[in-house]
Amino acid sequence: MVVGDDRGMMTSANVKRLRSRAQGYILGRQRRRSEEVYRCVDQAHTKGHWIEYSVGITAREKGHPPRTLVQEIESDAAAGRIFVVKSDERLDYERTQRLKAMQRVRTDLEALE
């Protein structure tokens, strides 16, 4: 059995449970909360050996499917392999969230005037 968890499910207890029960697992990490993740991302950007990952069914239906790039980076961690992923969809989502947050702040500041 191979288990995949999103970054919201990754707790120390869950990882320990997965390591003891699953034959394999894939975990996502939140980059904002981990210096280790920042180091991995920095290492990926310096190497520059990105592989374009094929898009899923819903992305193929779009006129211009978003790109997803993946890079495996070197790791001395015995826990497994580490991949860094860059996704056009994720970048668009984060950009939209930033713009919404900036608009909320702008509205609040204008209300103070």
N, C-alpha and C. Protein backbone atom coordinates (compact mmCIF):
# COMPACT_ATOMS: atom_id res chain seq x y z
N MET A 1 0.84 -1.17 0.00
CA MET A 1 0.00 0.00 0.00
C MET A 1 0.89 1.24 0.00
N VAL A 2 0.61 2.17 -0.91
CA VAL A 2 1.30 3.45 -0.94
C VAL A 2 0.29 4.51 -0.55
N VAL A 3 0.69 5.38 0.36
CA VAL A 3 -0.20 6.41 0.89
C VAL A 3 0.30 7.78 0.45
N GLY A 4 -0.62 8.65 0.07
CA GLY A 4 -0.27 10.03 -0.26
C GLY A 4 -1.01 10.96 0.68
N ASP A 5 -0.32 11.87 1.31
CA ASP A 5 -0.93 12.85 2.22
C ASP A 5 -0.59 14.24 1.73
N ASP A 6 -1.55 15.16 1.90
CA ASP A 6 -1.23 16.55 1.58
C ASP A 6 -0.52 17.16 2.78
N ARG A 7 -0.05 18.37 2.59
CA ARG A 7 0.78 18.97 3.63
C ARG A 7 0.04 19.24 4.93
N GLY A 8 -1.28 19.33 4.88
CA GLY A 8 -2.06 19.55 6.09
C GLY A 8 -2.13 18.32 6.99
N MET A 9 -1.82 17.17 6.45
CA MET A 9 -1.89 15.91 7.21
C MET A 9 -0.55 15.54 7.84
N MET A 10 0.49 16.28 7.51
CA MET A 10 1.83 15.87 7.93
C MET A 10 2.13 16.33 9.36
N THR A 11 1.93 15.42 10.28
CA THR A 11 2.33 15.64 11.66
C THR A 11 3.37 14.58 12.01
N SER A 12 4.11 14.79 13.05
CA SER A 12 5.11 13.79 13.46
C SER A 12 4.47 12.45 13.72
N ALA A 13 3.30 12.46 14.37
CA ALA A 13 2.61 11.21 14.68
C ALA A 13 2.17 10.49 13.41
N ASN A 14 1.65 11.24 12.43
CA ASN A 14 1.21 10.63 11.17
C ASN A 14 2.39 10.04 10.40
N VAL A 15 3.51 10.75 10.36
CA VAL A 15 4.69 10.25 9.66
C VAL A 15 5.19 8.98 10.33
N LYS A 16 5.23 8.97 11.63
CA LYS A 16 5.67 7.78 12.37
C LYS A 16 4.75 6.59 12.06
N ARG A 17 3.46 6.85 12.04
CA ARG A 17 2.47 5.80 11.73
C ARG A 17 2.67 5.29 10.29
N LEU A 18 2.89 6.20 9.35
CA LEU A 18 3.11 5.80 7.96
C LEU A 18 4.36 4.93 7.83
N ARG A 19 5.43 5.35 8.47
CA ARG A 19 6.68 4.60 8.37
C ARG A 19 6.55 3.19 8.92
N SER A 20 5.70 3.01 9.90
CA SER A 20 5.55 1.69 10.50
C SER A 20 4.57 0.80 9.74
N ARG A 21 3.65 1.39 8.96
CA ARG A 21 2.59 0.59 8.34
C ARG A 21 2.61 0.57 6.81
N ALA A 22 2.96 1.65 6.18
CA ALA A 22 2.85 1.73 4.72
C ALA A 22 4.11 1.21 4.05
N GLN A 23 3.94 0.64 2.86
CA GLN A 23 5.09 0.20 2.08
C GLN A 23 5.76 1.39 1.40
N GLY A 24 5.02 2.44 1.21
CA GLY A 24 5.56 3.65 0.63
C GLY A 24 4.62 4.80 0.92
N TYR A 25 5.14 6.01 0.87
CA TYR A 25 4.29 7.16 1.11
C TYR A 25 4.86 8.38 0.42
N ILE A 26 3.96 9.30 0.12
CA ILE A 26 4.33 10.58 -0.49
C ILE A 26 3.73 11.67 0.39
N LEU A 27 4.57 12.62 0.78
CA LEU A 27 4.11 13.70 1.65
C LEU A 27 4.44 15.05 1.02
N GLY A 28 3.56 16.00 1.23
CA GLY A 28 3.83 17.38 0.84
C GLY A 28 4.27 18.15 2.06
N ARG A 29 5.16 19.13 1.87
CA ARG A 29 5.63 19.94 2.99
C ARG A 29 5.27 21.40 2.74
N GLN A 30 4.96 22.12 3.80
CA GLN A 30 4.72 23.55 3.71
C GLN A 30 6.05 24.27 3.73
N ARG A 31 6.32 25.03 2.70
CA ARG A 31 7.64 25.67 2.64
C ARG A 31 7.79 26.81 3.63
N ARG A 32 6.69 27.45 3.99
CA ARG A 32 6.79 28.61 4.89
C ARG A 32 7.22 28.22 6.30
N ARG A 33 7.06 26.99 6.65
CA ARG A 33 7.31 26.60 8.04
C ARG A 33 8.54 25.73 8.23
N SER A 34 9.38 25.64 7.23
CA SER A 34 10.49 24.71 7.36
C SER A 34 11.75 25.24 6.67
N GLU A 35 12.79 25.43 7.44
CA GLU A 35 14.08 25.82 6.87
C GLU A 35 14.60 24.73 5.95
N GLU A 36 14.32 23.47 6.30
CA GLU A 36 14.75 22.35 5.47
C GLU A 36 14.14 22.45 4.07
N VAL A 37 12.87 22.81 4.01
CA VAL A 37 12.21 22.94 2.71
C VAL A 37 12.83 24.09 1.92
N TYR A 38 13.10 25.22 2.57
CA TYR A 38 13.75 26.33 1.88
C TYR A 38 15.10 25.91 1.30
N ARG A 39 15.88 25.14 2.06
CA ARG A 39 17.17 24.66 1.56
C ARG A 39 16.97 23.77 0.33
N CYS A 40 15.96 22.91 0.35
CA CYS A 40 15.67 22.03 -0.79
C CYS A 40 15.30 22.85 -2.02
N VAL A 41 14.45 23.85 -1.84
CA VAL A 41 14.03 24.70 -2.95
C VAL A 41 15.22 25.47 -3.50
N ASP A 42 16.07 26.03 -2.61
CA ASP A 42 17.26 26.74 -3.06
C ASP A 42 18.18 25.82 -3.86
N GLN A 43 18.35 24.59 -3.38
CA GLN A 43 19.20 23.62 -4.07
C GLN A 43 18.63 23.32 -5.45
N ALA A 44 17.31 23.19 -5.56
CA ALA A 44 16.69 22.91 -6.85
C ALA A 44 16.90 24.07 -7.82
N HIS A 45 16.77 25.30 -7.34
CA HIS A 45 16.92 26.46 -8.22
C HIS A 45 18.37 26.63 -8.69
N THR A 46 19.33 26.19 -7.89
CA THR A 46 20.72 26.31 -8.32
C THR A 46 21.07 25.24 -9.33
N LYS A 47 20.49 24.07 -9.20
CA LYS A 47 20.78 22.99 -10.15
C LYS A 47 20.17 23.25 -11.52
N GLY A 48 18.90 23.59 -11.53
CA GLY A 48 18.23 23.91 -12.78
C GLY A 48 17.90 22.76 -13.70
N HIS A 49 17.91 21.52 -13.23
CA HIS A 49 17.59 20.36 -14.06
C HIS A 49 16.13 19.96 -13.86
N TRP A 50 15.23 20.77 -14.40
CA TRP A 50 13.80 20.53 -14.21
C TRP A 50 13.27 19.61 -15.31
N ILE A 51 12.36 18.73 -14.93
CA ILE A 51 11.70 17.83 -15.88
C ILE A 51 10.23 18.23 -15.94
N GLU A 52 9.72 18.41 -17.16
CA GLU A 52 8.31 18.76 -17.28
C GLU A 52 7.47 17.50 -17.07
N TYR A 53 6.52 17.62 -16.16
CA TYR A 53 5.65 16.51 -15.81
C TYR A 53 4.41 16.57 -16.68
N SER A 54 3.95 15.42 -17.16
CA SER A 54 2.77 15.42 -18.02
C SER A 54 1.54 15.86 -17.22
N VAL A 55 0.66 16.57 -17.90
CA VAL A 55 -0.51 17.14 -17.23
C VAL A 55 -1.59 16.08 -17.03
N GLY A 56 -2.49 16.36 -16.08
CA GLY A 56 -3.60 15.47 -15.80
C GLY A 56 -4.75 15.66 -16.78
N ILE A 57 -5.79 14.90 -16.63
CA ILE A 57 -6.93 14.92 -17.54
C ILE A 57 -7.57 16.30 -17.60
N THR A 58 -7.85 16.90 -16.45
CA THR A 58 -8.53 18.20 -16.46
C THR A 58 -7.65 19.27 -17.09
N ALA A 59 -6.35 19.20 -16.88
CA ALA A 59 -5.45 20.20 -17.47
C ALA A 59 -5.41 20.04 -18.99
N ARG A 60 -5.50 18.82 -19.50
CA ARG A 60 -5.47 18.60 -20.95
C ARG A 60 -6.68 19.23 -21.62
N GLU A 61 -7.77 19.34 -20.88
CA GLU A 61 -8.99 19.90 -21.45
C GLU A 61 -8.90 21.41 -21.63
N LYS A 62 -7.94 22.04 -21.01
CA LYS A 62 -7.77 23.50 -21.12
C LYS A 62 -7.06 23.84 -22.42
N GLY A 63 -7.33 25.05 -22.91
CA GLY A 63 -6.68 25.50 -24.14
C GLY A 63 -5.17 25.57 -24.00
N HIS A 64 -4.69 26.11 -22.90
CA HIS A 64 -3.26 26.20 -22.62
C HIS A 64 -3.02 25.52 -21.27
N PRO A 65 -2.74 24.22 -21.28
CA PRO A 65 -2.57 23.53 -20.00
C PRO A 65 -1.40 24.09 -19.20
N PRO A 66 -1.57 24.20 -17.89
CA PRO A 66 -0.48 24.72 -17.06
C PRO A 66 0.70 23.75 -17.03
N ARG A 67 1.88 24.32 -16.84
CA ARG A 67 3.08 23.47 -16.76
C ARG A 67 3.35 23.10 -15.31
N THR A 68 3.85 21.90 -15.13
CA THR A 68 4.33 21.46 -13.83
C THR A 68 5.74 20.91 -14.04
N LEU A 69 6.70 21.47 -13.32
CA LEU A 69 8.09 21.03 -13.42
C LEU A 69 8.49 20.35 -12.12
N VAL A 70 9.30 19.29 -12.25
CA VAL A 70 9.71 18.50 -11.10
C VAL A 70 11.22 18.30 -11.15
N GLN A 71 11.83 18.33 -9.97
CA GLN A 71 13.27 18.08 -9.88
C GLN A 71 13.56 17.27 -8.63
N GLU A 72 14.28 16.18 -8.80
CA GLU A 72 14.75 15.43 -7.64
C GLU A 72 16.05 16.07 -7.19
N ILE A 73 16.17 16.27 -5.88
CA ILE A 73 17.40 16.88 -5.36
C ILE A 73 18.14 15.89 -4.49
N GLU A 74 19.41 16.13 -4.34
CA GLU A 74 20.23 15.27 -3.49
C GLU A 74 19.84 15.43 -2.04
N SER A 75 19.87 14.32 -1.33
CA SER A 75 19.53 14.37 0.09
C SER A 75 20.30 13.29 0.82
N ASP A 76 20.74 13.64 2.01
CA ASP A 76 21.39 12.63 2.84
C ASP A 76 20.40 12.02 3.82
N ALA A 77 19.14 12.39 3.68
CA ALA A 77 18.10 11.87 4.56
C ALA A 77 17.85 10.41 4.24
N ALA A 78 17.85 9.59 5.26
CA ALA A 78 17.60 8.16 5.08
C ALA A 78 16.12 7.89 4.83
N ALA A 79 15.29 8.91 5.05
CA ALA A 79 13.84 8.72 4.96
C ALA A 79 13.35 8.50 3.54
N GLY A 80 14.08 8.96 2.55
CA GLY A 80 13.60 8.76 1.20
C GLY A 80 14.11 9.79 0.23
N ARG A 81 13.40 9.93 -0.87
CA ARG A 81 13.79 10.84 -1.94
C ARG A 81 13.02 12.15 -1.80
N ILE A 82 13.64 13.23 -2.27
CA ILE A 82 13.03 14.55 -2.17
C ILE A 82 12.88 15.13 -3.57
N PHE A 83 11.65 15.60 -3.86
CA PHE A 83 11.36 16.24 -5.13
C PHE A 83 10.84 17.64 -4.87
N VAL A 84 11.25 18.58 -5.70
CA VAL A 84 10.72 19.94 -5.65
C VAL A 84 9.85 20.11 -6.88
N VAL A 85 8.66 20.70 -6.68
CA VAL A 85 7.70 20.85 -7.77
C VAL A 85 7.37 22.32 -7.97
N LYS A 86 7.40 22.77 -9.22
CA LYS A 86 6.96 24.12 -9.59
C LYS A 86 5.74 23.97 -10.49
N SER A 87 4.67 24.62 -10.12
CA SER A 87 3.42 24.45 -10.86
C SER A 87 2.86 25.81 -11.27
N ASP A 88 2.53 25.96 -12.55
CA ASP A 88 1.89 27.20 -13.01
C ASP A 88 0.58 27.43 -12.27
N GLU A 89 -0.18 26.35 -12.05
CA GLU A 89 -1.46 26.50 -11.34
C GLU A 89 -1.26 27.02 -9.93
N ARG A 90 -0.25 26.49 -9.24
CA ARG A 90 0.01 26.93 -7.87
C ARG A 90 0.48 28.39 -7.85
N LEU A 91 1.35 28.75 -8.79
CA LEU A 91 1.82 30.13 -8.87
C LEU A 91 0.65 31.09 -9.10
N ASP A 92 -0.26 30.72 -10.00
CA ASP A 92 -1.45 31.54 -10.26
C ASP A 92 -2.31 31.67 -9.01
N TYR A 93 -2.50 30.56 -8.31
CA TYR A 93 -3.31 30.57 -7.08
C TYR A 93 -2.68 31.50 -6.04
N GLU A 94 -1.37 31.35 -5.82
CA GLU A 94 -0.70 32.18 -4.82
C GLU A 94 -0.73 33.66 -5.20
N ARG A 95 -0.57 33.96 -6.49
CA ARG A 95 -0.65 35.34 -6.96
C ARG A 95 -2.04 35.92 -6.68
N THR A 96 -3.08 35.15 -6.97
CA THR A 96 -4.45 35.60 -6.72
C THR A 96 -4.68 35.84 -5.24
N GLN A 97 -4.19 34.96 -4.38
CA GLN A 97 -4.34 35.12 -2.93
C GLN A 97 -3.63 36.38 -2.44
N ARG A 98 -2.42 36.64 -2.98
CA ARG A 98 -1.68 37.86 -2.61
C ARG A 98 -2.45 39.11 -3.01
N LEU A 99 -2.98 39.10 -4.23
CA LEU A 99 -3.73 40.27 -4.71
C LEU A 99 -4.98 40.50 -3.86
N LYS A 100 -5.67 39.43 -3.47
CA LYS A 100 -6.84 39.57 -2.60
C LYS A 100 -6.45 40.17 -1.25
N ALA A 101 -5.35 39.68 -0.69
CA ALA A 101 -4.89 40.18 0.61
C ALA A 101 -4.50 41.65 0.51
N MET A 102 -3.82 42.02 -0.57
CA MET A 102 -3.43 43.42 -0.75
C MET A 102 -4.67 44.31 -0.90
N GLN A 103 -5.68 43.81 -1.59
CA GLN A 103 -6.91 44.60 -1.75
C GLN A 103 -7.62 44.78 -0.41
N ARG A 104 -7.63 43.74 0.42
CA ARG A 104 -8.24 43.87 1.75
C ARG A 104 -7.52 44.93 2.58
N VAL A 105 -6.20 44.91 2.55
CA VAL A 105 -5.42 45.90 3.30
C VAL A 105 -5.68 47.30 2.74
N ARG A 106 -5.70 47.41 1.41
CA ARG A 106 -5.97 48.71 0.78
C ARG A 106 -7.33 49.24 1.22
N THR A 107 -8.34 48.39 1.22
CA THR A 107 -9.68 48.78 1.64
C THR A 107 -9.69 49.23 3.10
N ASP A 108 -9.00 48.47 3.95
CA ASP A 108 -8.92 48.84 5.37
C ASP A 108 -8.21 50.18 5.56
N LEU A 109 -7.13 50.41 4.82
CA LEU A 109 -6.40 51.67 4.92
C LEU A 109 -7.24 52.84 4.44
N GLU A 110 -7.97 52.63 3.36
CA GLU A 110 -8.84 53.70 2.85
C GLU A 110 -9.93 54.02 3.87
N ALA A 111 -10.41 53.00 4.58
CA ALA A 111 -11.43 53.23 5.60
C ALA A 111 -10.90 54.06 6.76
N LEU A 112 -9.60 53.98 7.04
CA LEU A 112 -8.99 54.76 8.11
C LEU A 112 -8.88 56.24 7.77
N GLU A 113 -8.85 56.56 6.47
CA GLU A 113 -8.73 57.97 6.07
C GLU A 113 -9.95 58.67 6.47
